[in-house]
Amino acid sequence: MTTNSPSSISSLDTPALLVDIRKVERNATTMAQRCHQMAGVSHDSADGVQLVQYLVSTPGVKFAGLYAHCGDSYNADSPEEVKAIGHRTAQNILAFAAKLKKEGIECPTVSIGSTPTCSQPADTMAQLTEVHPGNYIFYDVQQSLLGSCQLEDIAVQVMTRVIGHYPVNNHLLVDCGWTALSLHSLGQLPTGFGIIDGHPELKLSSMTQEVGKVHAVEGTLDFDKYPIGTVLKILPYHACATACMHPKYYVHSGEAIVAVWKPCRGW
């Protein structure tokens, strides 16, 4: 069967990017419930106020508001630290908006963002006018390690197939290389460059451009468990980097493909 009009994920050529629509909808609903209620100037510097004053006085420029990205949340060691970063960032940007108001400058939008802080929001964030929650509909292994989600929340996978057995070297060969997954994790996970869903015993240990090598996490592979053609699904370390590699996203509910999304390209 060709993939021109696929009806099930089993009919797809590999590697293919899969998006579980049920998880996307669940993650979007959860984020809406949480959030209902890297460049620039420092919030406490005089330069910040002067910059806004300059913008407001510039013909043709409309000052829309403030935004801060909580990039430091990616270095947090615990959910409590992530929440503290969101609280501190929200406090700072709200204080800066209040400072502008004293100068007679209205600030229609006061916003912060990052997937970790919006997945574990501080109460202070309820005072913002909007949030930018990032990669919340897909999530990925990186976000699970930061406490933003559980592995079962990850809605995107790269589907691949076993294309070779190499007992002498104790590895499988799969048709997923770095052009299908990306090298973002640098292979530093206990399971290598991603997590093979449902197979904690397997490790994607290395990749070339088009293929990957899968070893056992421990011991010797039982090759009979993974015949040629076996489908494996890899949870990506960073969904943004992985999704960027694919021209189509196969959206499925269970085994059925319900849509094919084509991403926008460029900036």
C-alpha atoms as a PDB file:
ATOM      1  CA  MET A   1       0.000   0.000   0.000  1.00  0.00           C
ATOM      2  CA  THR A   2       1.313   3.444  -0.831  1.00  0.00           C
ATOM      3  CA  THR A   3       1.373   6.348   1.612  1.00  0.00           C
ATOM      4  CA  ASN A   4      -0.425   8.799  -0.692  1.00  0.00           C
ATOM      5  CA  SER A   5      -3.640   8.327   1.260  1.00  0.00           C
ATOM      6  CA  PRO A   6      -2.759   6.188   4.272  1.00  0.00           C
ATOM      7  CA  SER A   7      -5.587   4.985   6.469  1.00  0.00           C
ATOM      8  CA  SER A   8      -3.600   3.345   9.280  1.00  0.00           C
ATOM      9  CA  ILE A   9      -0.176   3.866  10.784  1.00  0.00           C
ATOM     10  CA  SER A  10       0.820   0.311   9.900  1.00  0.00           C
ATOM     11  CA  SER A  11       0.581   1.272   6.208  1.00  0.00           C
ATOM     12  CA  LEU A  12       3.141   4.081   6.499  1.00  0.00           C
ATOM     13  CA  ASP A  13       6.639   3.980   5.112  1.00  0.00           C
ATOM     14  CA  THR A  14       9.258   4.607   7.787  1.00  0.00           C
ATOM     15  CA  PRO A  15      10.660   6.717   9.264  1.00  0.00           C
ATOM     16  CA  ALA A  16       7.429   8.649   9.855  1.00  0.00           C
ATOM     17  CA  LEU A  17       6.445  11.224  12.447  1.00  0.00           C
ATOM     18  CA  LEU A  18       3.333  10.209  14.405  1.00  0.00           C
ATOM     19  CA  VAL A  19       1.158  12.611  16.407  1.00  0.00           C
ATOM     20  CA  ASP A  20      -1.376  11.126  18.826  1.00  0.00           C
ATOM     21  CA  ILE A  21      -4.361  13.475  18.519  1.00  0.00           C
ATOM     22  CA  ARG A  22      -5.886  12.284  21.795  1.00  0.00           C
ATOM     23  CA  LYS A  23      -2.776  13.299  23.698  1.00  0.00           C
ATOM     24  CA  VAL A  24      -2.587  16.620  21.835  1.00  0.00           C
ATOM     25  CA  GLU A  25      -6.180  17.424  22.812  1.00  0.00           C
ATOM     26  CA  ARG A  26      -5.596  16.335  26.404  1.00  0.00           C
ATOM     27  CA  ASN A  27      -2.406  18.389  26.742  1.00  0.00           C
ATOM     28  CA  ALA A  28      -4.085  21.460  25.238  1.00  0.00           C
ATOM     29  CA  THR A  29      -7.030  21.166  27.632  1.00  0.00           C
ATOM     30  CA  THR A  30      -4.717  20.717  30.620  1.00  0.00           C
ATOM     31  CA  MET A  31      -2.658  23.772  29.681  1.00  0.00           C
ATOM     32  CA  ALA A  32      -5.788  25.891  29.229  1.00  0.00           C
ATOM     33  CA  GLN A  33      -6.942  24.886  32.697  1.00  0.00           C
ATOM     34  CA  ARG A  34      -3.555  25.698  34.220  1.00  0.00           C
ATOM     35  CA  CYS A  35      -3.148  29.062  32.591  1.00  0.00           C
ATOM     36  CA  HIS A  36      -6.685  30.470  32.480  1.00  0.00           C
ATOM     37  CA  GLN A  37      -6.638  32.330  35.758  1.00  0.00           C
ATOM     38  CA  MET A  38      15.948  35.893  25.670  1.00  0.00           C
ATOM     39  CA  ALA A  39      16.827  39.127  24.716  1.00  0.00           C
ATOM     40  CA  GLY A  40      15.986  42.633  25.804  1.00  0.00           C
ATOM     41  CA  VAL A  41      16.698  44.796  28.830  1.00  0.00           C
ATOM     42  CA  SER A  42      16.588  44.117  32.547  1.00  0.00           C
ATOM     43  CA  HIS A  43      13.324  44.835  34.346  1.00  0.00           C
ATOM     44  CA  ASP A  44      15.095  46.901  37.009  1.00  0.00           C
ATOM     45  CA  SER A  45      17.268  49.056  34.744  1.00  0.00           C
ATOM     46  CA  ALA A  46      16.578  52.660  33.749  1.00  0.00           C
ATOM     47  CA  ASP A  47      17.339  51.591  30.185  1.00  0.00           C
ATOM     48  CA  GLY A  48      14.108  49.585  30.132  1.00  0.00           C
ATOM     49  CA  VAL A  49      11.865  52.560  30.819  1.00  0.00           C
ATOM     50  CA  GLN A  50      13.861  54.734  28.419  1.00  0.00           C
ATOM     51  CA  LEU A  51      13.517  52.112  25.692  1.00  0.00           C
ATOM     52  CA  VAL A  52       9.737  51.995  26.066  1.00  0.00           C
ATOM     53  CA  GLN A  53       9.528  55.788  26.131  1.00  0.00           C
ATOM     54  CA  TYR A  54      11.507  55.866  22.906  1.00  0.00           C
ATOM     55  CA  LEU A  55       9.213  53.298  21.311  1.00  0.00           C
ATOM     56  CA  VAL A  56       6.067  55.120  22.373  1.00  0.00           C
ATOM     57  CA  SER A  57       7.368  58.392  20.927  1.00  0.00           C
ATOM     58  CA  THR A  58       8.440  56.842  17.612  1.00  0.00           C
ATOM     59  CA  PRO A  59       6.017  57.554  14.718  1.00  0.00           C
ATOM     60  CA  GLY A  60       4.516  54.397  13.248  1.00  0.00           C
ATOM     61  CA  VAL A  61       5.371  52.245  16.276  1.00  0.00           C
ATOM     62  CA  LYS A  62       2.657  50.892  18.552  1.00  0.00           C
ATOM     63  CA  PHE A  63       3.793  49.637  21.954  1.00  0.00           C
ATOM     64  CA  ALA A  64       1.942  46.346  22.483  1.00  0.00           C
ATOM     65  CA  GLY A  65       3.371  45.216  25.811  1.00  0.00           C
ATOM     66  CA  LEU A  66       6.022  43.161  27.580  1.00  0.00           C
ATOM     67  CA  TYR A  67       7.286  39.614  27.250  1.00  0.00           C
ATOM     68  CA  ALA A  68       9.929  37.603  29.088  1.00  0.00           C
ATOM     69  CA  HIS A  69      11.076  34.079  28.351  1.00  0.00           C
ATOM     70  CA  CYS A  70      11.959  31.917  31.365  1.00  0.00           C
ATOM     71  CA  GLY A  71      14.955  30.298  29.717  1.00  0.00           C
ATOM     72  CA  ASP A  72      16.567  29.600  33.072  1.00  0.00           C
ATOM     73  CA  SER A  73      13.771  27.120  33.842  1.00  0.00           C
ATOM     74  CA  TYR A  74      15.604  24.615  31.612  1.00  0.00           C
ATOM     75  CA  ASN A  75      18.428  24.540  34.153  1.00  0.00           C
ATOM     76  CA  ALA A  76      16.120  23.876  37.112  1.00  0.00           C
ATOM     77  CA  ASP A  77      16.748  20.842  39.283  1.00  0.00           C
ATOM     78  CA  SER A  78      13.204  20.350  40.584  1.00  0.00           C
ATOM     79  CA  PRO A  79       9.547  21.269  39.939  1.00  0.00           C
ATOM     80  CA  GLU A  80       9.749  23.596  42.941  1.00  0.00           C
ATOM     81  CA  GLU A  81      12.621  25.485  41.341  1.00  0.00           C
ATOM     82  CA  VAL A  82      10.705  25.738  38.045  1.00  0.00           C
ATOM     83  CA  LYS A  83       7.729  27.214  39.896  1.00  0.00           C
ATOM     84  CA  ALA A  84      10.016  29.650  41.740  1.00  0.00           C
ATOM     85  CA  ILE A  85      11.466  30.837  38.428  1.00  0.00           C
ATOM     86  CA  GLY A  86       7.972  31.418  37.020  1.00  0.00           C
ATOM     87  CA  HIS A  87       6.990  33.313  40.174  1.00  0.00           C
ATOM     88  CA  ARG A  88      10.105  35.495  40.094  1.00  0.00           C
ATOM     89  CA  THR A  89       9.774  36.258  36.377  1.00  0.00           C
ATOM     90  CA  ALA A  90       6.075  37.131  36.700  1.00  0.00           C
ATOM     91  CA  GLN A  91       6.804  39.386  39.692  1.00  0.00           C
ATOM     92  CA  ASN A  92       9.556  41.201  37.824  1.00  0.00           C
ATOM     93  CA  ILE A  93       7.564  41.832  34.660  1.00  0.00           C
ATOM     94  CA  LEU A  94       4.473  42.926  36.611  1.00  0.00           C
ATOM     95  CA  ALA A  95       6.646  45.351  38.601  1.00  0.00           C
ATOM     96  CA  PHE A  96       8.067  46.741  35.373  1.00  0.00           C
ATOM     97  CA  ALA A  97       4.559  47.192  33.939  1.00  0.00           C
ATOM     98  CA  ALA A  98       3.604  49.086  37.123  1.00  0.00           C
ATOM     99  CA  LYS A  99       6.691  51.296  36.697  1.00  0.00           C
ATOM    100  CA  LEU A 100       5.622  52.129  33.148  1.00  0.00           C
ATOM    101  CA  LYS A 101       2.140  52.982  34.331  1.00  0.00           C
ATOM    102  CA  LYS A 102       3.623  55.544  36.747  1.00  0.00           C
ATOM    103  CA  GLU A 103       5.293  57.111  33.705  1.00  0.00           C
ATOM    104  CA  GLY A 104       1.923  57.328  31.987  1.00  0.00           C
ATOM    105  CA  ILE A 105       2.545  54.391  29.657  1.00  0.00           C
ATOM    106  CA  GLU A 106      -0.190  51.779  29.420  1.00  0.00           C
ATOM    107  CA  CYS A 107       0.941  48.188  28.927  1.00  0.00           C
ATOM    108  CA  PRO A 108      -1.826  46.176  27.198  1.00  0.00           C
ATOM    109  CA  THR A 109       0.045  42.856  27.300  1.00  0.00           C
ATOM    110  CA  VAL A 110       2.130  41.491  30.172  1.00  0.00           C
ATOM    111  CA  SER A 111       3.366  38.023  29.324  1.00  0.00           C
ATOM    112  CA  ILE A 112       5.950  35.378  30.099  1.00  0.00           C
ATOM    113  CA  GLY A 113       6.595  31.936  28.691  1.00  0.00           C
ATOM    114  CA  SER A 114       8.439  28.602  28.619  1.00  0.00           C
ATOM    115  CA  THR A 115       7.096  25.077  28.570  1.00  0.00           C
ATOM    116  CA  PRO A 116       8.361  24.181  32.084  1.00  0.00           C
ATOM    117  CA  THR A 117       6.993  27.273  33.870  1.00  0.00           C
ATOM    118  CA  CYS A 118       3.630  27.116  32.113  1.00  0.00           C
ATOM    119  CA  SER A 119       3.317  23.385  32.797  1.00  0.00           C
ATOM    120  CA  GLN A 120       3.976  24.034  36.495  1.00  0.00           C
ATOM    121  CA  PRO A 121       2.595  27.578  36.885  1.00  0.00           C
ATOM    122  CA  ALA A 122       3.140  29.741  39.936  1.00  0.00           C
ATOM    123  CA  ASP A 123       0.090  31.508  41.385  1.00  0.00           C
ATOM    124  CA  THR A 124       1.634  34.872  40.473  1.00  0.00           C
ATOM    125  CA  MET A 125       1.250  34.025  36.797  1.00  0.00           C
ATOM    126  CA  ALA A 126      -2.532  34.393  37.112  1.00  0.00           C
ATOM    127  CA  GLN A 127      -1.966  38.169  37.156  1.00  0.00           C
ATOM    128  CA  LEU A 128      -0.478  38.136  33.639  1.00  0.00           C
ATOM    129  CA  THR A 129      -2.570  38.966  30.606  1.00  0.00           C
ATOM    130  CA  GLU A 130      -1.270  35.979  28.624  1.00  0.00           C
ATOM    131  CA  VAL A 131       1.280  33.155  28.704  1.00  0.00           C
ATOM    132  CA  HIS A 132       3.350  31.495  25.976  1.00  0.00           C
ATOM    133  CA  PRO A 133       3.347  27.804  26.932  1.00  0.00           C
ATOM    134  CA  GLY A 134       5.658  26.521  24.200  1.00  0.00           C
ATOM    135  CA  ASN A 135       5.750  22.825  23.396  1.00  0.00           C
ATOM    136  CA  TYR A 136       2.832  21.791  25.588  1.00  0.00           C
ATOM    137  CA  ILE A 137       0.707  20.019  22.961  1.00  0.00           C
ATOM    138  CA  PHE A 138       3.490  17.612  21.943  1.00  0.00           C
ATOM    139  CA  TYR A 139       5.824  17.465  24.964  1.00  0.00           C
ATOM    140  CA  ASP A 140       8.960  15.287  24.801  1.00  0.00           C
ATOM    141  CA  VAL A 141      11.506  13.401  26.885  1.00  0.00           C
ATOM    142  CA  GLN A 142      13.318  16.605  27.847  1.00  0.00           C
ATOM    143  CA  GLN A 143      10.103  18.054  29.300  1.00  0.00           C
ATOM    144  CA  SER A 144       9.417  14.831  31.202  1.00  0.00           C
ATOM    145  CA  LEU A 145      12.864  15.120  32.815  1.00  0.00           C
ATOM    146  CA  LEU A 146      12.051  18.722  33.812  1.00  0.00           C
ATOM    147  CA  GLY A 147       8.781  17.602  35.431  1.00  0.00           C
ATOM    148  CA  SER A 148       6.560  19.321  32.855  1.00  0.00           C
ATOM    149  CA  CYS A 149       4.832  16.073  31.912  1.00  0.00           C
ATOM    150  CA  GLN A 150       4.851  12.301  32.240  1.00  0.00           C
ATOM    151  CA  LEU A 151       6.133  10.013  29.496  1.00  0.00           C
ATOM    152  CA  GLU A 152       2.538   8.990  28.724  1.00  0.00           C
ATOM    153  CA  ASP A 153       1.744  12.646  27.894  1.00  0.00           C
ATOM    154  CA  ILE A 154       4.203  12.757  24.983  1.00  0.00           C
ATOM    155  CA  ALA A 155       2.076  12.982  21.844  1.00  0.00           C
ATOM    156  CA  VAL A 156       4.776  12.691  19.167  1.00  0.00           C
ATOM    157  CA  GLN A 157       6.830   9.661  18.145  1.00  0.00           C
ATOM    158  CA  VAL A 158       9.056   8.682  15.267  1.00  0.00           C
ATOM    159  CA  MET A 159       7.954   5.365  13.834  1.00  0.00           C
ATOM    160  CA  THR A 160      10.783   3.200  12.503  1.00  0.00           C
ATOM    161  CA  ARG A 161      11.295  -0.394  11.426  1.00  0.00           C
ATOM    162  CA  VAL A 162      13.968  -2.987  12.092  1.00  0.00           C
ATOM    163  CA  ILE A 163      15.898  -3.456   8.846  1.00  0.00           C
ATOM    164  CA  GLY A 164      18.841  -5.560   9.983  1.00  0.00           C
ATOM    165  CA  HIS A 165      20.169  -8.014  12.576  1.00  0.00           C
ATOM    166  CA  TYR A 166      23.843  -7.982  13.564  1.00  0.00           C
ATOM    167  CA  PRO A 167      24.338 -10.666  16.239  1.00  0.00           C
ATOM    168  CA  VAL A 168      28.129 -10.390  16.046  1.00  0.00           C
ATOM    169  CA  ASN A 169      27.897  -6.785  17.227  1.00  0.00           C
ATOM    170  CA  ASN A 170      24.766  -7.370  19.340  1.00  0.00           C
ATOM    171  CA  HIS A 171      22.668  -4.686  17.643  1.00  0.00           C
ATOM    172  CA  LEU A 172      19.629  -4.116  15.472  1.00  0.00           C
ATOM    173  CA  LEU A 173      19.630  -1.686  12.564  1.00  0.00           C
ATOM    174  CA  VAL A 174      16.605   0.622  12.146  1.00  0.00           C
ATOM    175  CA  ASP A 175      15.688   3.034   9.352  1.00  0.00           C
ATOM    176  CA  CYS A 176      15.773   6.064  11.653  1.00  0.00           C
ATOM    177  CA  GLY A 177      18.873   8.210  11.482  1.00  0.00           C
ATOM    178  CA  TRP A 178      19.499  11.714  12.784  1.00  0.00           C
ATOM    179  CA  THR A 179      17.634  13.224   9.829  1.00  0.00           C
ATOM    180  CA  ALA A 180      14.470  11.641  11.264  1.00  0.00           C
ATOM    181  CA  LEU A 181      15.105  12.272  14.970  1.00  0.00           C
ATOM    182  CA  SER A 182      17.894  14.885  15.421  1.00  0.00           C
ATOM    183  CA  LEU A 183      20.988  14.541  17.589  1.00  0.00           C
ATOM    184  CA  HIS A 184      19.749  16.915  20.268  1.00  0.00           C
ATOM    185  CA  SER A 185      20.194  14.665  23.309  1.00  0.00           C
ATOM    186  CA  LEU A 186      23.746  13.818  22.207  1.00  0.00           C
ATOM    187  CA  GLY A 187      22.933  10.246  23.202  1.00  0.00           C
ATOM    188  CA  GLN A 188      23.279  11.064  26.900  1.00  0.00           C
ATOM    189  CA  LEU A 189      20.024   9.390  27.993  1.00  0.00           C
ATOM    190  CA  PRO A 190      20.295   5.926  29.581  1.00  0.00           C
ATOM    191  CA  THR A 191      18.377   4.796  26.498  1.00  0.00           C
ATOM    192  CA  GLY A 192      20.542   6.763  24.076  1.00  0.00           C
ATOM    193  CA  PHE A 193      19.083   9.355  21.711  1.00  0.00           C
ATOM    194  CA  GLY A 194      15.460   8.858  22.739  1.00  0.00           C
ATOM    195  CA  ILE A 195      13.190   6.379  24.446  1.00  0.00           C
ATOM    196  CA  ILE A 196      11.844   3.428  22.460  1.00  0.00           C
ATOM    197  CA  ASP A 197       8.237   3.319  23.585  1.00  0.00           C
ATOM    198  CA  GLY A 198       7.280   0.085  25.313  1.00  0.00           C
ATOM    199  CA  HIS A 199      10.835  -1.276  25.162  1.00  0.00           C
ATOM    200  CA  PRO A 200      12.818  -0.140  28.207  1.00  0.00           C
ATOM    201  CA  GLU A 201      15.298  -2.910  27.407  1.00  0.00           C
ATOM    202  CA  LEU A 202      16.433  -1.190  24.182  1.00  0.00           C
ATOM    203  CA  LYS A 203      18.850   1.676  23.622  1.00  0.00           C
ATOM    204  CA  LEU A 204      19.187   3.777  20.455  1.00  0.00           C
ATOM    205  CA  SER A 205      22.913   4.010  20.883  1.00  0.00           C
ATOM    206  CA  SER A 206      24.089   5.684  17.678  1.00  0.00           C
ATOM    207  CA  MET A 207      22.841   7.111  14.398  1.00  0.00           C
ATOM    208  CA  THR A 208      24.199   8.013  11.000  1.00  0.00           C
ATOM    209  CA  GLN A 209      22.252  10.209   8.617  1.00  0.00           C
ATOM    210  CA  GLU A 210      19.733   7.529   7.597  1.00  0.00           C
ATOM    211  CA  VAL A 211      20.021   4.612  10.040  1.00  0.00           C
ATOM    212  CA  GLY A 212      20.354   3.903  13.742  1.00  0.00           C
ATOM    213  CA  LYS A 213      21.878   1.147  15.841  1.00  0.00           C
ATOM    214  CA  VAL A 214      19.830  -0.332  18.683  1.00  0.00           C
ATOM    215  CA  HIS A 215      21.580  -2.255  21.453  1.00  0.00           C
ATOM    216  CA  ALA A 216      20.313  -3.861  24.624  1.00  0.00           C
ATOM    217  CA  VAL A 217      20.493  -1.606  27.678  1.00  0.00           C
ATOM    218  CA  GLU A 218      22.031  -4.604  29.428  1.00  0.00           C
ATOM    219  CA  GLY A 219      23.205  -7.994  28.255  1.00  0.00           C
ATOM    220  CA  THR A 220      22.557  -9.660  24.912  1.00  0.00           C
ATOM    221  CA  LEU A 221      19.708  -8.923  22.511  1.00  0.00           C
ATOM    222  CA  ASP A 222      17.107 -11.596  21.869  1.00  0.00           C
ATOM    223  CA  PHE A 223      16.861 -11.103  18.112  1.00  0.00           C
ATOM    224  CA  ASP A 224      13.828 -13.392  17.852  1.00  0.00           C
ATOM    225  CA  LYS A 225      11.797 -10.704  19.655  1.00  0.00           C
ATOM    226  CA  TYR A 226      12.517  -8.176  16.921  1.00  0.00           C
ATOM    227  CA  PRO A 227      12.065  -9.779  13.479  1.00  0.00           C
ATOM    228  CA  ILE A 228      12.965  -7.800  10.369  1.00  0.00           C
ATOM    229  CA  GLY A 229      10.099  -5.362   9.786  1.00  0.00           C
ATOM    230  CA  THR A 230       9.269  -4.930  13.480  1.00  0.00           C
ATOM    231  CA  VAL A 231       7.848  -1.473  14.121  1.00  0.00           C
ATOM    232  CA  LEU A 232       9.423   0.564  16.914  1.00  0.00           C
ATOM    233  CA  LYS A 233       8.267   4.010  18.064  1.00  0.00           C
ATOM    234  CA  ILE A 234      10.778   6.468  19.462  1.00  0.00           C
ATOM    235  CA  LEU A 235       9.862   9.228  21.907  1.00  0.00           C
ATOM    236  CA  PRO A 236      12.090  12.178  20.935  1.00  0.00           C
ATOM    237  CA  TYR A 237      14.303  14.038  23.371  1.00  0.00           C
ATOM    238  CA  HIS A 238      13.273  17.392  21.859  1.00  0.00           C
ATOM    239  CA  ALA A 239      10.048  17.362  19.836  1.00  0.00           C
ATOM    240  CA  CYS A 240      10.760  20.747  18.208  1.00  0.00           C
ATOM    241  CA  ALA A 241      14.025  19.530  16.702  1.00  0.00           C
ATOM    242  CA  THR A 242      12.467  16.225  15.620  1.00  0.00           C
ATOM    243  CA  ALA A 243       9.320  17.750  14.115  1.00  0.00           C
ATOM    244  CA  CYS A 244      11.493  20.139  12.096  1.00  0.00           C
ATOM    245  CA  MET A 245      12.924  17.115  10.285  1.00  0.00           C
ATOM    246  CA  HIS A 246       9.600  15.969   8.805  1.00  0.00           C
ATOM    247  CA  PRO A 247       7.504  17.379   5.928  1.00  0.00           C
ATOM    248  CA  LYS A 248       4.347  15.629   7.181  1.00  0.00           C
ATOM    249  CA  TYR A 249       2.918  14.731  10.584  1.00  0.00           C
ATOM    250  CA  TYR A 250       0.651  11.679  10.588  1.00  0.00           C
ATOM    251  CA  VAL A 251      -2.071  12.398  13.139  1.00  0.00           C
ATOM    252  CA  HIS A 252      -3.641   9.246  14.514  1.00  0.00           C
ATOM    253  CA  SER A 253      -6.225   8.057  16.999  1.00  0.00           C
ATOM    254  CA  GLY A 254      -5.260   4.530  17.932  1.00  0.00           C
ATOM    255  CA  GLU A 255      -4.242   2.836  14.682  1.00  0.00           C
ATOM    256  CA  ALA A 256      -6.369   5.078  12.450  1.00  0.00           C
ATOM    257  CA  ILE A 257      -4.838   8.102  10.714  1.00  0.00           C
ATOM    258  CA  VAL A 258      -7.288  10.974  11.110  1.00  0.00           C
ATOM    259  CA  ALA A 259      -5.302  13.801   9.494  1.00  0.00           C
ATOM    260  CA  VAL A 260      -1.998  14.720   7.886  1.00  0.00           C
ATOM    261  CA  TRP A 261      -0.499  18.014   9.052  1.00  0.00           C
ATOM    262  CA  LYS A 262       2.035  19.909   6.960  1.00  0.00           C
ATOM    263  CA  PRO A 263       4.215  22.264   9.011  1.00  0.00           C
ATOM    264  CA  CYS A 264       4.977  25.846   8.038  1.00  0.00           C
ATOM    265  CA  ARG A 265       8.578  26.310   6.972  1.00  0.00           C
ATOM    266  CA  GLY A 266      10.884  29.272   7.481  1.00  0.00           C
ATOM    267  CA  TRP A 267      10.758  32.071  10.017  1.00  0.00           C
END
